C-alpha atoms as a PDB file:
ATOM      1  CA  UNK A   1      14.669  41.999  58.203  1.00  0.00           C
ATOM      2  CA  UNK A   2      15.713  38.373  58.473  1.00  0.00           C
ATOM      3  CA  UNK A   3      13.973  35.624  56.604  1.00  0.00           C
ATOM      4  CA  UNK A   4      12.902  32.588  58.556  1.00  0.00           C
ATOM      5  CA  UNK A   5      13.717  29.236  57.063  1.00  0.00           C
ATOM      6  CA  UNK A   6      10.866  26.955  56.217  1.00  0.00           C
ATOM      7  CA  UNK A   7      10.496  23.897  58.418  1.00  0.00           C
ATOM      8  CA  UNK A   8      10.894  21.256  55.698  1.00  0.00           C
ATOM      9  CA  UNK A   9      14.282  22.272  54.313  1.00  0.00           C
ATOM     10  CA  UNK A  10      15.963  18.948  53.572  1.00  0.00           C
ATOM     11  CA  UNK A  11      15.260  19.236  49.850  1.00  0.00           C
ATOM     12  CA  UNK A  12      17.150  22.548  49.689  1.00  0.00           C
ATOM     13  CA  UNK A  13      20.477  20.886  50.440  1.00  0.00           C
ATOM     14  CA  UNK A  14      19.782  18.203  47.837  1.00  0.00           C
ATOM     15  CA  UNK A  15      18.926  20.811  45.202  1.00  0.00           C
ATOM     16  CA  UNK A  16      22.029  22.875  45.931  1.00  0.00           C
ATOM     17  CA  UNK A  17      24.329  19.838  45.936  1.00  0.00           C
ATOM     18  CA  UNK A  18      22.931  18.533  42.645  1.00  0.00           C
ATOM     19  CA  UNK A  19      23.172  21.968  41.015  1.00  0.00           C
ATOM     20  CA  UNK A  20      26.820  22.221  42.043  1.00  0.00           C
ATOM     21  CA  UNK A  21      27.489  18.639  40.919  1.00  0.00           C
ATOM     22  CA  UNK A  22      25.938  19.451  37.536  1.00  0.00           C
ATOM     23  CA  UNK A  23      28.126  22.531  37.171  1.00  0.00           C
ATOM     24  CA  UNK A  24      25.128  24.838  36.827  1.00  0.00           C
ATOM     25  CA  UNK A  25      25.046  28.352  38.208  1.00  0.00           C
ATOM     26  CA  UNK A  26      22.088  29.709  40.136  1.00  0.00           C
ATOM     27  CA  UNK A  27      21.558  32.129  37.252  1.00  0.00           C
ATOM     28  CA  UNK A  28      21.301  29.242  34.763  1.00  0.00           C
ATOM     29  CA  UNK A  29      18.772  27.262  36.818  1.00  0.00           C
ATOM     30  CA  UNK A  30      16.773  30.393  37.642  1.00  0.00           C
ATOM     31  CA  UNK A  31      16.590  31.310  33.949  1.00  0.00           C
ATOM     32  CA  UNK A  32      15.366  27.807  33.062  1.00  0.00           C
ATOM     33  CA  UNK A  33      12.687  28.158  35.758  1.00  0.00           C
ATOM     34  CA  UNK A  34      11.689  31.664  34.651  1.00  0.00           C
ATOM     35  CA  UNK A  35      12.558  33.255  37.991  1.00  0.00           C
ATOM     36  CA  UNK A  36      15.265  35.613  39.197  1.00  0.00           C
ATOM     37  CA  UNK A  37      18.581  34.431  40.623  1.00  0.00           C
ATOM     38  CA  UNK A  38      17.653  36.122  43.896  1.00  0.00           C
ATOM     39  CA  UNK A  39      14.451  34.080  44.140  1.00  0.00           C
ATOM     40  CA  UNK A  40      16.321  30.895  43.252  1.00  0.00           C
ATOM     41  CA  UNK A  41      18.887  31.638  45.954  1.00  0.00           C
ATOM     42  CA  UNK A  42      16.045  31.926  48.458  1.00  0.00           C
ATOM     43  CA  UNK A  43      14.845  28.499  47.333  1.00  0.00           C
ATOM     44  CA  UNK A  44      18.249  26.933  47.947  1.00  0.00           C
ATOM     45  CA  UNK A  45      18.514  28.630  51.324  1.00  0.00           C
ATOM     46  CA  UNK A  46      15.117  27.410  52.444  1.00  0.00           C
ATOM     47  CA  UNK A  47      13.382  30.775  52.565  1.00  0.00           C
ATOM     48  CA  UNK A  48      10.719  29.884  50.012  1.00  0.00           C
ATOM     49  CA  UNK A  49       8.373  26.928  50.221  1.00  0.00           C
ATOM     50  CA  UNK A  50       8.208  25.220  46.864  1.00  0.00           C
ATOM     51  CA  UNK A  51       5.093  23.985  45.161  1.00  0.00           C
ATOM     52  CA  UNK A  52       5.194  20.394  43.981  1.00  0.00           C
ATOM     53  CA  UNK A  53       5.191  21.652  40.391  1.00  0.00           C
ATOM     54  CA  UNK A  54       8.275  23.773  41.058  1.00  0.00           C
ATOM     55  CA  UNK A  55       9.975  20.806  42.719  1.00  0.00           C
ATOM     56  CA  UNK A  56       9.250  18.728  39.619  1.00  0.00           C
ATOM     57  CA  UNK A  57      10.561  21.472  37.330  1.00  0.00           C
ATOM     58  CA  UNK A  58      13.750  21.748  39.364  1.00  0.00           C
ATOM     59  CA  UNK A  59      14.067  17.959  39.358  1.00  0.00           C
ATOM     60  CA  UNK A  60      13.849  17.914  35.579  1.00  0.00           C
ATOM     61  CA  UNK A  61      16.504  20.609  35.141  1.00  0.00           C
ATOM     62  CA  UNK A  62      18.871  19.007  37.640  1.00  0.00           C
ATOM     63  CA  UNK A  63      18.088  15.464  36.432  1.00  0.00           C
ATOM     64  CA  UNK A  64      16.835  14.361  39.824  1.00  0.00           C
ATOM     65  CA  UNK A  65      14.038  11.939  40.534  1.00  0.00           C
ATOM     66  CA  UNK A  66      11.207  14.145  41.868  1.00  0.00           C
ATOM     67  CA  UNK A  67      10.806  11.820  44.828  1.00  0.00           C
ATOM     68  CA  UNK A  68      14.288  12.865  45.982  1.00  0.00           C
ATOM     69  CA  UNK A  69      12.993  16.320  46.843  1.00  0.00           C
ATOM     70  CA  UNK A  70       9.333  15.581  47.508  1.00  0.00           C
ATOM     71  CA  UNK A  71       7.926  14.341  50.785  1.00  0.00           C
ATOM     72  CA  UNK A  72       6.780  11.147  49.117  1.00  0.00           C
ATOM     73  CA  UNK A  73       5.903   9.932  45.664  1.00  0.00           C
ATOM     74  CA  UNK A  74       2.236   9.712  46.589  1.00  0.00           C
ATOM     75  CA  UNK A  75       2.261  13.207  48.087  1.00  0.00           C
ATOM     76  CA  UNK A  76       3.860  14.612  44.934  1.00  0.00           C
ATOM     77  CA  UNK A  77       1.367  12.877  42.689  1.00  0.00           C
ATOM     78  CA  UNK A  78      -1.548  14.135  44.770  1.00  0.00           C
ATOM     79  CA  UNK A  79      -0.220  17.695  44.749  1.00  0.00           C
ATOM     80  CA  UNK A  80       0.396  17.598  40.999  1.00  0.00           C
ATOM     81  CA  UNK A  81      -3.158  16.355  40.408  1.00  0.00           C
ATOM     82  CA  UNK A  82      -4.556  19.175  42.539  1.00  0.00           C
ATOM     83  CA  UNK A  83      -2.457  21.804  40.764  1.00  0.00           C
ATOM     84  CA  UNK A  84      -3.474  20.326  37.405  1.00  0.00           C
ATOM     85  CA  UNK A  85      -7.133  20.664  38.375  1.00  0.00           C
ATOM     86  CA  UNK A  86      -6.576  24.278  39.422  1.00  0.00           C
ATOM     87  CA  UNK A  87      -4.828  25.055  36.145  1.00  0.00           C
ATOM     88  CA  UNK A  88      -7.659  23.490  34.134  1.00  0.00           C
ATOM     89  CA  UNK A  89     -10.171  25.551  36.110  1.00  0.00           C
ATOM     90  CA  UNK A  90      -8.215  28.713  35.282  1.00  0.00           C
ATOM     91  CA  UNK A  91      -8.070  27.782  31.609  1.00  0.00           C
ATOM     92  CA  UNK A  92     -11.811  27.133  31.580  1.00  0.00           C
ATOM     93  CA  UNK A  93     -12.471  30.387  33.410  1.00  0.00           C
ATOM     94  CA  UNK A  94     -10.635  32.286  30.669  1.00  0.00           C
ATOM     95  CA  UNK A  95     -12.101  30.181  27.847  1.00  0.00           C
ATOM     96  CA  UNK A  96      -8.701  28.825  26.823  1.00  0.00           C
ATOM     97  CA  UNK A  97      -8.622  25.445  25.074  1.00  0.00           C
ATOM     98  CA  UNK A  98      -6.515  22.774  26.735  1.00  0.00           C
END
């Protein structure tokens, strides 16, 4: 089975280049993200579409400006707001203080 690459892959090359420039291994970045190295490799190879939150987390680890790997600053902010709302709804659903 071959994996198809996602259409918007330009951020993958940026992520991989910055990781290499930083001297980090895939294992290191994956561990910081709480995912497996195999999953992280799929990210760098464009086989997994990233959420805006994951892009921001990767940006933080690799010391990138999130806008470097997001479609646009406004798009990232909108997506983060939507994901924040969803997370708050989940917390409320499970009666967890936030």
